[in-house]
Each structure stands twice: as structure tokens, then as C-alpha cells.
């Protein structure tokens, strides 16, 4: 998880602006397979541009989301604050600073103020 200089990456808690390389799907243009894949998203809110971008490849999106849901939302096991720390670490390893930022902010929120 270190950078080329051997230092830990610098993570900010201020939200980052995310811009996908592909335009997010428009819901009215989604195929039946894409719509089915997006049903595994646990949010009761609108389907985000992030989800609509990942749904370009519905098979990969569905597999990724089922795994994520099993890790982050399963009953028992680690507390949510620790799950977010694990997701933050995985994001560093994957090289996704946007995901790292999202998980760092969520982990900090769950951990509460520190002395």
C-alpha cells in the first residue's frame, strides 16, 4: 500500500469528484441484463451514475456487487467500522483513490472523533 517512494498514500476526507471514462447508462437504454444486474444494489435510493457506469458489463457488475454485499452487509463478523477499514485497504491495493476516499470517509464517520 505504499507509493513509489515507499510512503503511505495520502488520503483526504474531502469528497473527490468522480468522472467516469464511459458515460453512465441511461436507465431507459439499459438492456434487460443490465437492469437485472442493477437490482443487486442494496440502495433504496436512485441508481447512481457509478452503478450505471459499472452496469455496462452486467455480468461483472453483478458478481462484484454480490461479493461486496456479502462482505459489507452480512450479519455477524466484523463491525462496520472495521469492514470499511478493510475496504479502504483493498482500494489502496487496487489503486482506486476514489473508492479509497469513499471508504475513508465512511470509516471516519463510523469511528467518530478521535483524541
Protein backbone atom coordinates (compact mmCIF):
# COMPACT_ATOMS: atom_id res chain seq x y z
CA UNK A 1 0.00 0.00 0.00
CA UNK A 2 2.97 2.32 -0.29
CA UNK A 3 3.70 4.58 -3.22
CA UNK A 4 6.86 4.53 -5.36
CA UNK A 5 8.75 6.37 -2.61
CA UNK A 6 7.78 3.78 0.00
CA UNK A 7 5.38 6.18 1.75
CA UNK A 8 1.74 5.52 2.52
CA UNK A 9 -0.67 7.18 0.09
CA UNK A 10 -2.12 10.49 1.20
CA UNK A 11 -5.88 10.23 1.66
CA UNK A 12 -8.17 13.21 2.03
CA UNK A 13 -11.55 13.10 3.66
CA UNK A 14 -12.92 15.83 1.44
CA UNK A 15 -15.10 14.17 -1.25
CA UNK A 16 -13.43 13.71 -4.62
CA UNK A 17 -15.12 14.47 -7.90
CA UNK A 18 -15.56 11.26 -9.87
CA UNK A 19 -15.80 11.36 -13.64
CA UNK A 20 -16.19 8.02 -15.43
CA UNK A 21 -14.33 7.23 -18.63
CA UNK A 22 -17.58 5.85 -20.10
CA UNK A 23 -20.84 7.72 -19.86
CA UNK A 24 -23.23 6.14 -17.34
CA UNK A 25 -26.07 4.12 -18.84
CA UNK A 26 -29.34 5.92 -19.24
CA UNK A 27 -31.94 3.77 -17.48
CA UNK A 28 -34.27 3.89 -20.49
CA UNK A 29 -31.46 2.47 -22.69
CA UNK A 30 -30.48 -0.36 -20.33
CA UNK A 31 -30.86 -3.93 -21.54
CA UNK A 32 -32.83 -6.47 -19.52
CA UNK A 33 -29.50 -8.00 -18.34
CA UNK A 34 -28.25 -4.58 -17.19
CA UNK A 35 -31.50 -3.84 -15.34
CA UNK A 36 -31.35 -7.26 -13.65
CA UNK A 37 -27.73 -6.69 -12.59
CA UNK A 38 -28.57 -3.32 -11.07
CA UNK A 39 -31.20 -4.98 -8.84
CA UNK A 40 -28.44 -6.38 -6.60
CA UNK A 41 -27.58 -2.83 -5.49
CA UNK A 42 -28.64 -2.54 -1.82
CA UNK A 43 -29.57 1.13 -2.01
CA UNK A 44 -33.23 2.09 -1.90
CA UNK A 45 -32.21 5.41 -3.45
CA UNK A 46 -31.88 6.22 -7.13
CA UNK A 47 -29.37 4.21 -9.13
CA UNK A 48 -26.18 6.30 -9.07
CA UNK A 49 -24.01 7.22 -12.06
CA UNK A 50 -21.34 4.93 -10.54
CA UNK A 51 -23.70 1.94 -10.65
CA UNK A 52 -24.93 2.86 -14.13
CA UNK A 53 -21.32 3.01 -15.34
CA UNK A 54 -20.39 -0.37 -13.87
CA UNK A 55 -23.55 -1.89 -15.36
CA UNK A 56 -22.11 -1.54 -18.87
CA UNK A 57 -20.74 -5.03 -18.10
CA UNK A 58 -23.71 -6.56 -16.23
CA UNK A 59 -22.08 -9.93 -15.52
CA UNK A 60 -19.01 -8.35 -13.89
CA UNK A 61 -21.10 -5.74 -12.09
CA UNK A 62 -23.42 -8.34 -10.60
CA UNK A 63 -20.53 -10.57 -9.45
CA UNK A 64 -18.68 -7.56 -7.95
CA UNK A 65 -21.76 -6.29 -6.17
CA UNK A 66 -22.78 -9.66 -4.74
CA UNK A 67 -19.25 -10.07 -3.33
CA UNK A 68 -19.27 -6.50 -1.96
CA UNK A 69 -22.69 -7.05 -0.36
CA UNK A 70 -21.58 -10.33 1.20
CA UNK A 71 -18.54 -8.64 2.72
CA UNK A 72 -20.07 -5.35 3.81
CA UNK A 73 -23.65 -6.28 4.78
CA UNK A 74 -23.54 -9.87 6.11
CA UNK A 75 -24.86 -10.50 9.63
CA UNK A 76 -22.15 -11.08 12.24
CA UNK A 77 -18.42 -10.85 11.75
CA UNK A 78 -16.55 -7.58 11.83
CA UNK A 79 -18.12 -4.32 12.91
CA UNK A 80 -18.92 -1.92 10.06
CA UNK A 81 -16.08 0.41 11.05
CA UNK A 82 -13.61 -2.45 10.57
CA UNK A 83 -15.20 -3.56 7.29
CA UNK A 84 -14.72 -0.04 5.96
CA UNK A 85 -11.07 -0.13 7.01
CA UNK A 86 -10.68 -3.36 5.04
CA UNK A 87 -12.42 -1.82 2.02
CA UNK A 88 -10.12 1.21 2.30
CA UNK A 89 -7.09 -1.09 2.27
CA UNK A 90 -8.42 -3.01 -0.74
CA UNK A 91 -9.00 0.28 -2.56
CA UNK A 92 -5.35 1.27 -1.99
CA UNK A 93 -4.18 -2.10 -3.31
CA UNK A 94 -6.50 -1.75 -6.33
CA UNK A 95 -5.23 1.78 -6.94
CA UNK A 96 -8.67 3.40 -6.84
CA UNK A 97 -8.29 6.66 -4.97
CA UNK A 98 -11.97 7.49 -5.49
CA UNK A 99 -13.05 4.28 -3.72
CA UNK A 100 -10.36 4.82 -1.08
CA UNK A 101 -11.77 8.29 -0.45
CA UNK A 102 -15.33 6.98 -0.14
CA UNK A 103 -14.32 4.21 2.29
CA UNK A 104 -12.03 6.52 4.30
CA UNK A 105 -14.88 9.00 4.79
CA UNK A 106 -17.30 6.22 5.78
CA UNK A 107 -14.75 4.66 8.17
CA UNK A 108 -14.02 8.04 9.77
CA UNK A 109 -17.74 8.68 10.16
CA UNK A 110 -18.29 5.31 11.84
CA UNK A 111 -15.18 5.65 14.04
CA UNK A 112 -16.27 9.05 15.33
CA UNK A 113 -13.98 11.77 16.65
CA UNK A 114 -10.55 10.75 17.87
CA UNK A 115 -8.44 12.37 20.54
